[in-house]
Amino acid sequence: MRLLIIEDNQELADLMKQKLSEFGYVCDVAYDGIEGDYKASDYDYDAVLLDLNLPDKDGFELLEDWRKRGFNVPVLIVSARDELDQRIKGLQLGSDDYITKPFEFAEINARIQAVIRRFRGRAAPVIIIEMLTLDPATRRVTLNKHEVALSAKEFDILEYLASCYPRIVSNEELAEHVYDENFDPFSGVIRVHMANIKKKLKIGDVSILRNEKGKGYYLCLK
């Protein structure tokens, strides 16, 4: 899953990127409101972590503009403003959660997963599709009750495909959600990861990961 962190404290922003990357997220960072607005408009994120005290454009102003423009990606405010009226204002303007500083990264991770689940219309923390089970919290995959060992990026790809099941997901969409802004979608890396996943997701001689030529990839579980 790909996150945008908008935080003017560069040291904190870089720490958030590092720690959340350890939970398996791909993170882009913006250090002011204008850059954050540009990236939120230009890339397809799974969630945004938004500070309020930003140079150039305040976090509340950003959030209000986004919701008026129909930008409906989950937004979690992460702010030192802990007053009740500020928390209420953030929620009323359209944030999906409000986290006060200081915070624990394990809690941030849990809250991100929760808002993304709700956004995608899924309440259960574990994704179960027929014989395939994915646990985003532990990053474990089982197929027919047998654990499947995937690399970190392979898990990211499979998790996104599972969250979009049963529709086809294009290479471009995968690149937007499981790689950062520096990724070259024409590098062939996605094709290599897909080949490895197909080898691992087999029932007998049949892979449950399919390629629809010219369109993208999907899970075939019916």
C-alpha atoms as a PDB file:
ATOM      1  CA  MET A   1       0.000   0.000   0.000  1.00  0.00           C
ATOM      2  CA  ARG A   2       1.245   3.462  -0.886  1.00  0.00           C
ATOM      3  CA  LEU A   3       1.096   6.359   1.563  1.00  0.00           C
ATOM      4  CA  LEU A   4       1.676  10.084   1.297  1.00  0.00           C
ATOM      5  CA  ILE A   5       3.196  11.697   4.402  1.00  0.00           C
ATOM      6  CA  ILE A   6       2.740  15.483   4.547  1.00  0.00           C
ATOM      7  CA  GLU A   7       4.854  16.762   7.452  1.00  0.00           C
ATOM      8  CA  ASP A   8       6.954  19.934   7.637  1.00  0.00           C
ATOM      9  CA  ASN A   9       9.336  18.563  10.277  1.00  0.00           C
ATOM     10  CA  GLN A  10      11.797  16.864   7.945  1.00  0.00           C
ATOM     11  CA  GLU A  11      13.369  14.723  10.652  1.00  0.00           C
ATOM     12  CA  LEU A  12       9.973  13.426  11.785  1.00  0.00           C
ATOM     13  CA  ALA A  13       8.760  12.951   8.208  1.00  0.00           C
ATOM     14  CA  ASP A  14      11.817  10.887   7.304  1.00  0.00           C
ATOM     15  CA  LEU A  15      11.452   8.836  10.484  1.00  0.00           C
ATOM     16  CA  MET A  16       7.787   8.164   9.673  1.00  0.00           C
ATOM     17  CA  LYS A  17       8.767   7.044   6.193  1.00  0.00           C
ATOM     18  CA  GLN A  18      11.435   4.712   7.569  1.00  0.00           C
ATOM     19  CA  LYS A  19       9.246   3.180  10.279  1.00  0.00           C
ATOM     20  CA  LEU A  20       6.155   2.767   8.120  1.00  0.00           C
ATOM     21  CA  SER A  21       8.279   1.197   5.396  1.00  0.00           C
ATOM     22  CA  GLU A  22       9.179  -1.459   7.956  1.00  0.00           C
ATOM     23  CA  PHE A  23       5.463  -2.285   8.174  1.00  0.00           C
ATOM     24  CA  GLY A  24       5.434  -2.844   4.418  1.00  0.00           C
ATOM     25  CA  TYR A  25       4.141   0.513   3.150  1.00  0.00           C
ATOM     26  CA  VAL A  26       5.590   2.421   0.233  1.00  0.00           C
ATOM     27  CA  CYS A  27       5.871   6.054   1.350  1.00  0.00           C
ATOM     28  CA  ASP A  28       6.245   9.360  -0.440  1.00  0.00           C
ATOM     29  CA  VAL A  29       6.959  12.517   1.574  1.00  0.00           C
ATOM     30  CA  ALA A  30       6.017  16.175   1.157  1.00  0.00           C
ATOM     31  CA  TYR A  31       7.393  18.830   3.508  1.00  0.00           C
ATOM     32  CA  ASP A  32       4.856  21.605   2.848  1.00  0.00           C
ATOM     33  CA  GLY A  33       1.219  22.044   1.881  1.00  0.00           C
ATOM     34  CA  ILE A  34       1.775  22.988  -1.761  1.00  0.00           C
ATOM     35  CA  GLU A  35       4.020  19.995  -2.471  1.00  0.00           C
ATOM     36  CA  GLY A  36       1.581  17.767  -0.583  1.00  0.00           C
ATOM     37  CA  ASP A  37      -1.348  19.044  -2.636  1.00  0.00           C
ATOM     38  CA  TYR A  38       0.588  18.466  -5.858  1.00  0.00           C
ATOM     39  CA  LYS A  39       1.509  14.881  -4.975  1.00  0.00           C
ATOM     40  CA  ALA A  40      -1.980  14.032  -3.701  1.00  0.00           C
ATOM     41  CA  SER A  41      -3.390  15.251  -7.018  1.00  0.00           C
ATOM     42  CA  ASP A  42      -0.752  13.606  -9.191  1.00  0.00           C
ATOM     43  CA  TYR A  43      -0.472  10.104  -7.669  1.00  0.00           C
ATOM     44  CA  ASP A  44      -2.961   7.461  -6.570  1.00  0.00           C
ATOM     45  CA  TYR A  45      -2.447   6.867  -2.830  1.00  0.00           C
ATOM     46  CA  ASP A  46      -4.099   4.372  -0.494  1.00  0.00           C
ATOM     47  CA  ALA A  47      -4.014   6.852   2.415  1.00  0.00           C
ATOM     48  CA  VAL A  48      -2.579  10.238   3.387  1.00  0.00           C
ATOM     49  CA  LEU A  49      -0.994  11.159   6.747  1.00  0.00           C
ATOM     50  CA  LEU A  50      -1.559  14.897   7.129  1.00  0.00           C
ATOM     51  CA  ASP A  51       0.056  17.322   9.571  1.00  0.00           C
ATOM     52  CA  LEU A  52      -1.852  20.559  10.273  1.00  0.00           C
ATOM     53  CA  ASN A  53       0.890  23.137  10.919  1.00  0.00           C
ATOM     54  CA  LEU A  54       2.236  23.304   7.375  1.00  0.00           C
ATOM     55  CA  PRO A  55       4.012  26.117   5.568  1.00  0.00           C
ATOM     56  CA  ASP A  56       2.342  27.569   2.474  1.00  0.00           C
ATOM     57  CA  LYS A  57      -0.983  25.775   2.986  1.00  0.00           C
ATOM     58  CA  ASP A  58      -2.533  24.725   6.307  1.00  0.00           C
ATOM     59  CA  GLY A  59      -3.593  21.112   6.768  1.00  0.00           C
ATOM     60  CA  PHE A  60      -7.227  22.008   7.437  1.00  0.00           C
ATOM     61  CA  GLU A  61      -7.275  24.106   4.264  1.00  0.00           C
ATOM     62  CA  LEU A  62      -5.792  21.229   2.283  1.00  0.00           C
ATOM     63  CA  LEU A  63      -8.309  18.747   3.645  1.00  0.00           C
ATOM     64  CA  GLU A  64     -11.282  21.021   2.983  1.00  0.00           C
ATOM     65  CA  ASP A  65     -10.110  21.667  -0.598  1.00  0.00           C
ATOM     66  CA  TRP A  66      -9.590  17.953  -1.252  1.00  0.00           C
ATOM     67  CA  ARG A  67     -13.060  16.967  -0.102  1.00  0.00           C
ATOM     68  CA  LYS A  68     -14.668  19.757  -2.140  1.00  0.00           C
ATOM     69  CA  ARG A  69     -12.762  18.506  -5.210  1.00  0.00           C
ATOM     70  CA  GLY A  70     -13.982  14.946  -4.652  1.00  0.00           C
ATOM     71  CA  PHE A  71     -10.633  13.589  -3.437  1.00  0.00           C
ATOM     72  CA  ASN A  72     -11.926  10.702  -1.329  1.00  0.00           C
ATOM     73  CA  VAL A  73      -8.724   8.850  -0.398  1.00  0.00           C
ATOM     74  CA  PRO A  74      -8.536   8.142   3.382  1.00  0.00           C
ATOM     75  CA  VAL A  75      -6.846  10.961   5.317  1.00  0.00           C
ATOM     76  CA  LEU A  76      -5.426  10.543   8.813  1.00  0.00           C
ATOM     77  CA  ILE A  77      -4.556  13.812  10.531  1.00  0.00           C
ATOM     78  CA  VAL A  78      -1.347  13.473  12.584  1.00  0.00           C
ATOM     79  CA  SER A  79      -0.945  16.617  14.660  1.00  0.00           C
ATOM     80  CA  ALA A  80       0.332  18.078  17.918  1.00  0.00           C
ATOM     81  CA  ARG A  81      -2.977  19.961  18.206  1.00  0.00           C
ATOM     82  CA  ASP A  82      -4.772  17.862  20.780  1.00  0.00           C
ATOM     83  CA  GLU A  83      -7.615  20.238  21.716  1.00  0.00           C
ATOM     84  CA  LEU A  84     -11.119  18.806  21.422  1.00  0.00           C
ATOM     85  CA  ASP A  85     -12.317  21.512  19.039  1.00  0.00           C
ATOM     86  CA  GLN A  86      -9.398  20.800  16.677  1.00  0.00           C
ATOM     87  CA  ARG A  87     -10.116  17.063  16.656  1.00  0.00           C
ATOM     88  CA  ILE A  88     -13.790  17.704  15.983  1.00  0.00           C
ATOM     89  CA  LYS A  89     -12.973  20.178  13.211  1.00  0.00           C
ATOM     90  CA  GLY A  90     -10.665  17.686  11.498  1.00  0.00           C
ATOM     91  CA  LEU A  91     -13.308  14.960  11.515  1.00  0.00           C
ATOM     92  CA  GLN A  92     -16.033  17.328  10.351  1.00  0.00           C
ATOM     93  CA  LEU A  93     -13.897  18.522   7.444  1.00  0.00           C
ATOM     94  CA  GLY A  94     -13.589  14.947   6.250  1.00  0.00           C
ATOM     95  CA  SER A  95     -10.615  13.250   7.922  1.00  0.00           C
ATOM     96  CA  ASP A  96     -11.009   9.534   8.573  1.00  0.00           C
ATOM     97  CA  ASP A  97      -9.004   9.559  11.803  1.00  0.00           C
ATOM     98  CA  TYR A  98      -7.173  12.015  14.052  1.00  0.00           C
ATOM     99  CA  ILE A  99      -3.927  11.005  15.760  1.00  0.00           C
ATOM    100  CA  THR A 100      -2.153  13.255  18.252  1.00  0.00           C
ATOM    101  CA  LYS A 101       1.608  13.558  18.654  1.00  0.00           C
ATOM    102  CA  PRO A 102       3.538  11.919  20.189  1.00  0.00           C
ATOM    103  CA  PHE A 103       2.347   8.538  18.899  1.00  0.00           C
ATOM    104  CA  GLU A 104       3.401   4.908  18.637  1.00  0.00           C
ATOM    105  CA  PHE A 105       4.070   3.553  15.161  1.00  0.00           C
ATOM    106  CA  ALA A 106       2.307   0.268  15.911  1.00  0.00           C
ATOM    107  CA  GLU A 107      -0.879   2.253  16.578  1.00  0.00           C
ATOM    108  CA  ILE A 108      -0.390   4.352  13.437  1.00  0.00           C
ATOM    109  CA  ASN A 109      -0.066   1.121  11.443  1.00  0.00           C
ATOM    110  CA  ALA A 110      -3.255  -0.313  12.951  1.00  0.00           C
ATOM    111  CA  ARG A 111      -5.192   2.882  12.263  1.00  0.00           C
ATOM    112  CA  ILE A 112      -3.979   3.041   8.654  1.00  0.00           C
ATOM    113  CA  GLN A 113      -5.067  -0.538   8.058  1.00  0.00           C
ATOM    114  CA  ALA A 114      -8.451   0.169   9.651  1.00  0.00           C
ATOM    115  CA  VAL A 115      -9.262   3.221   7.509  1.00  0.00           C
ATOM    116  CA  ILE A 116      -8.133   1.465   4.314  1.00  0.00           C
ATOM    117  CA  ARG A 117     -10.339  -1.539   5.177  1.00  0.00           C
ATOM    118  CA  ARG A 118     -13.346   0.727   5.690  1.00  0.00           C
ATOM    119  CA  PHE A 119     -12.611   2.639   2.495  1.00  0.00           C
ATOM    120  CA  ARG A 120     -12.611  -0.624   0.536  1.00  0.00           C
ATOM    121  CA  GLY A 121     -15.797  -1.866   2.183  1.00  0.00           C
ATOM    122  CA  ARG A 122     -14.108  -4.610   4.169  1.00  0.00           C
ATOM    123  CA  ALA A 123     -14.537  -4.972   7.927  1.00  0.00           C
ATOM    124  CA  ALA A 124     -12.468  -8.088   8.631  1.00  0.00           C
ATOM    125  CA  PRO A 125      -8.732  -7.542   9.269  1.00  0.00           C
ATOM    126  CA  VAL A 126      -7.829 -10.720   7.335  1.00  0.00           C
ATOM    127  CA  ILE A 127      -8.562 -11.078   3.605  1.00  0.00           C
ATOM    128  CA  ILE A 128     -10.137 -14.447   2.809  1.00  0.00           C
ATOM    129  CA  ILE A 129     -11.007 -15.320  -0.797  1.00  0.00           C
ATOM    130  CA  GLU A 130     -12.006 -18.938  -1.286  1.00  0.00           C
ATOM    131  CA  MET A 131      -8.872 -20.959  -0.409  1.00  0.00           C
ATOM    132  CA  LEU A 132      -6.542 -17.937  -0.199  1.00  0.00           C
ATOM    133  CA  THR A 133      -5.920 -16.068   3.073  1.00  0.00           C
ATOM    134  CA  LEU A 134      -3.822 -12.921   3.565  1.00  0.00           C
ATOM    135  CA  ASP A 135      -3.143 -11.294   6.919  1.00  0.00           C
ATOM    136  CA  PRO A 136      -1.847  -7.736   6.393  1.00  0.00           C
ATOM    137  CA  ALA A 137      -0.894  -7.401  10.069  1.00  0.00           C
ATOM    138  CA  THR A 138       1.454 -10.402  10.079  1.00  0.00           C
ATOM    139  CA  ARG A 139       2.068 -10.377   6.302  1.00  0.00           C
ATOM    140  CA  ARG A 140       1.354 -14.117   6.120  1.00  0.00           C
ATOM    141  CA  VAL A 141      -0.261 -15.892   3.168  1.00  0.00           C
ATOM    142  CA  THR A 142      -1.843 -19.330   3.127  1.00  0.00           C
ATOM    143  CA  LEU A 143      -3.223 -21.232   0.152  1.00  0.00           C
ATOM    144  CA  ASN A 144      -5.332 -24.300   0.906  1.00  0.00           C
ATOM    145  CA  LYS A 145      -4.128 -23.944   4.537  1.00  0.00           C
ATOM    146  CA  HIS A 146      -0.474 -24.199   3.465  1.00  0.00           C
ATOM    147  CA  GLU A 147       1.736 -21.189   4.118  1.00  0.00           C
ATOM    148  CA  VAL A 148       3.210 -19.520   1.045  1.00  0.00           C
ATOM    149  CA  ALA A 149       6.578 -17.784   1.448  1.00  0.00           C
ATOM    150  CA  LEU A 150       6.593 -14.476  -0.435  1.00  0.00           C
ATOM    151  CA  SER A 151       9.108 -11.670  -0.567  1.00  0.00           C
ATOM    152  CA  ALA A 152       8.024  -8.296   0.834  1.00  0.00           C
ATOM    153  CA  LYS A 153       7.227  -6.881  -2.613  1.00  0.00           C
ATOM    154  CA  GLU A 154       5.477 -10.066  -3.716  1.00  0.00           C
ATOM    155  CA  PHE A 155       3.229  -9.772  -0.671  1.00  0.00           C
ATOM    156  CA  ASP A 156       2.499  -6.121  -1.485  1.00  0.00           C
ATOM    157  CA  ILE A 157       1.429  -7.050  -5.009  1.00  0.00           C
ATOM    158  CA  LEU A 158      -0.702  -9.992  -3.906  1.00  0.00           C
ATOM    159  CA  GLU A 159      -2.341  -7.938  -1.159  1.00  0.00           C
ATOM    160  CA  TYR A 160      -3.331  -5.271  -3.654  1.00  0.00           C
ATOM    161  CA  LEU A 161      -4.675  -7.821  -6.141  1.00  0.00           C
ATOM    162  CA  ALA A 162      -6.657  -9.484  -3.356  1.00  0.00           C
ATOM    163  CA  SER A 163      -8.069  -6.157  -2.172  1.00  0.00           C
ATOM    164  CA  CYS A 164      -9.272  -5.503  -5.751  1.00  0.00           C
ATOM    165  CA  TYR A 165     -10.636  -9.019  -6.366  1.00  0.00           C
ATOM    166  CA  PRO A 166     -12.202 -10.023  -8.738  1.00  0.00           C
ATOM    167  CA  ARG A 167     -11.384  -7.185 -11.132  1.00  0.00           C
ATOM    168  CA  ILE A 168      -8.327  -6.946 -13.391  1.00  0.00           C
ATOM    169  CA  VAL A 169      -5.511  -4.663 -12.194  1.00  0.00           C
ATOM    170  CA  SER A 170      -3.261  -3.025 -14.770  1.00  0.00           C
ATOM    171  CA  ASN A 171       0.516  -2.680 -14.554  1.00  0.00           C
ATOM    172  CA  GLU A 172       0.040   1.075 -14.243  1.00  0.00           C
ATOM    173  CA  GLU A 173      -2.308   0.727 -11.272  1.00  0.00           C
ATOM    174  CA  LEU A 174       0.048  -1.698  -9.535  1.00  0.00           C
ATOM    175  CA  ALA A 175       2.924   0.709 -10.071  1.00  0.00           C
ATOM    176  CA  GLU A 176       0.884   3.507  -8.459  1.00  0.00           C
ATOM    177  CA  HIS A 177       0.031   1.477  -5.355  1.00  0.00           C
ATOM    178  CA  VAL A 178       3.006  -0.766  -4.566  1.00  0.00           C
ATOM    179  CA  TYR A 179       6.002   1.303  -5.731  1.00  0.00           C
ATOM    180  CA  ASP A 180       7.135   4.829  -4.909  1.00  0.00           C
ATOM    181  CA  GLU A 181       7.346   7.878  -7.166  1.00  0.00           C
ATOM    182  CA  ASN A 182      10.839   6.926  -8.405  1.00  0.00           C
ATOM    183  CA  PHE A 183       9.719   3.593  -9.893  1.00  0.00           C
ATOM    184  CA  ASP A 184      10.034   3.073 -13.649  1.00  0.00           C
ATOM    185  CA  PRO A 185       6.899   1.160 -14.769  1.00  0.00           C
ATOM    186  CA  PHE A 186       8.669   0.135 -17.990  1.00  0.00           C
ATOM    187  CA  SER A 187      11.569  -1.560 -16.192  1.00  0.00           C
ATOM    188  CA  GLY A 188      10.121  -5.082 -16.310  1.00  0.00           C
ATOM    189  CA  VAL A 189      10.304  -5.444 -12.520  1.00  0.00           C
ATOM    190  CA  ILE A 190       6.559  -6.069 -12.187  1.00  0.00           C
ATOM    191  CA  ARG A 191       6.735  -8.859 -14.752  1.00  0.00           C
ATOM    192  CA  VAL A 192       9.521 -10.567 -12.783  1.00  0.00           C
ATOM    193  CA  HIS A 193       7.586 -10.330  -9.511  1.00  0.00           C
ATOM    194  CA  MET A 194       4.458 -11.691 -11.191  1.00  0.00           C
ATOM    195  CA  ALA A 195       6.339 -14.680 -12.585  1.00  0.00           C
ATOM    196  CA  ASN A 196       7.630 -15.512  -9.103  1.00  0.00           C
ATOM    197  CA  ILE A 197       4.167 -15.158  -7.532  1.00  0.00           C
ATOM    198  CA  LYS A 198       2.615 -17.396 -10.201  1.00  0.00           C
ATOM    199  CA  LYS A 199       5.119 -20.150  -9.403  1.00  0.00           C
ATOM    200  CA  LYS A 200       4.222 -19.959  -5.712  1.00  0.00           C
ATOM    201  CA  LEU A 201       0.439 -19.671  -6.090  1.00  0.00           C
ATOM    202  CA  LYS A 202      -0.247 -23.029  -7.651  1.00  0.00           C
ATOM    203  CA  ILE A 203      -2.869 -25.675  -7.014  1.00  0.00           C
ATOM    204  CA  GLY A 204      -1.588 -28.731  -8.788  1.00  0.00           C
ATOM    205  CA  ASP A 205      -0.363 -27.458 -12.134  1.00  0.00           C
ATOM    206  CA  VAL A 206      -2.678 -24.446 -12.255  1.00  0.00           C
ATOM    207  CA  SER A 207      -1.695 -20.972 -11.050  1.00  0.00           C
ATOM    208  CA  ILE A 208      -4.460 -18.872  -9.508  1.00  0.00           C
ATOM    209  CA  LEU A 209      -2.762 -15.685 -10.751  1.00  0.00           C
ATOM    210  CA  ARG A 210      -3.790 -14.936 -14.323  1.00  0.00           C
ATOM    211  CA  ASN A 211      -2.623 -12.435 -16.922  1.00  0.00           C
ATOM    212  CA  GLU A 212      -5.245 -10.859 -19.164  1.00  0.00           C
ATOM    213  CA  LYS A 213      -3.120  -9.797 -22.121  1.00  0.00           C
ATOM    214  CA  GLY A 214      -3.146  -6.065 -22.694  1.00  0.00           C
ATOM    215  CA  LYS A 215      -5.166  -5.418 -19.542  1.00  0.00           C
ATOM    216  CA  GLY A 216      -3.344  -6.682 -16.473  1.00  0.00           C
ATOM    217  CA  TYR A 217      -3.494  -9.313 -13.741  1.00  0.00           C
ATOM    218  CA  TYR A 218      -6.227 -10.860 -11.606  1.00  0.00           C
ATOM    219  CA  LEU A 219      -6.807 -13.685  -9.158  1.00  0.00           C
ATOM    220  CA  CYS A 220      -8.815 -16.595 -10.567  1.00  0.00           C
ATOM    221  CA  LEU A 221     -10.351 -18.286  -7.533  1.00  0.00           C
ATOM    222  CA  LYS A 222     -13.718 -19.507  -8.812  1.00  0.00           C
END
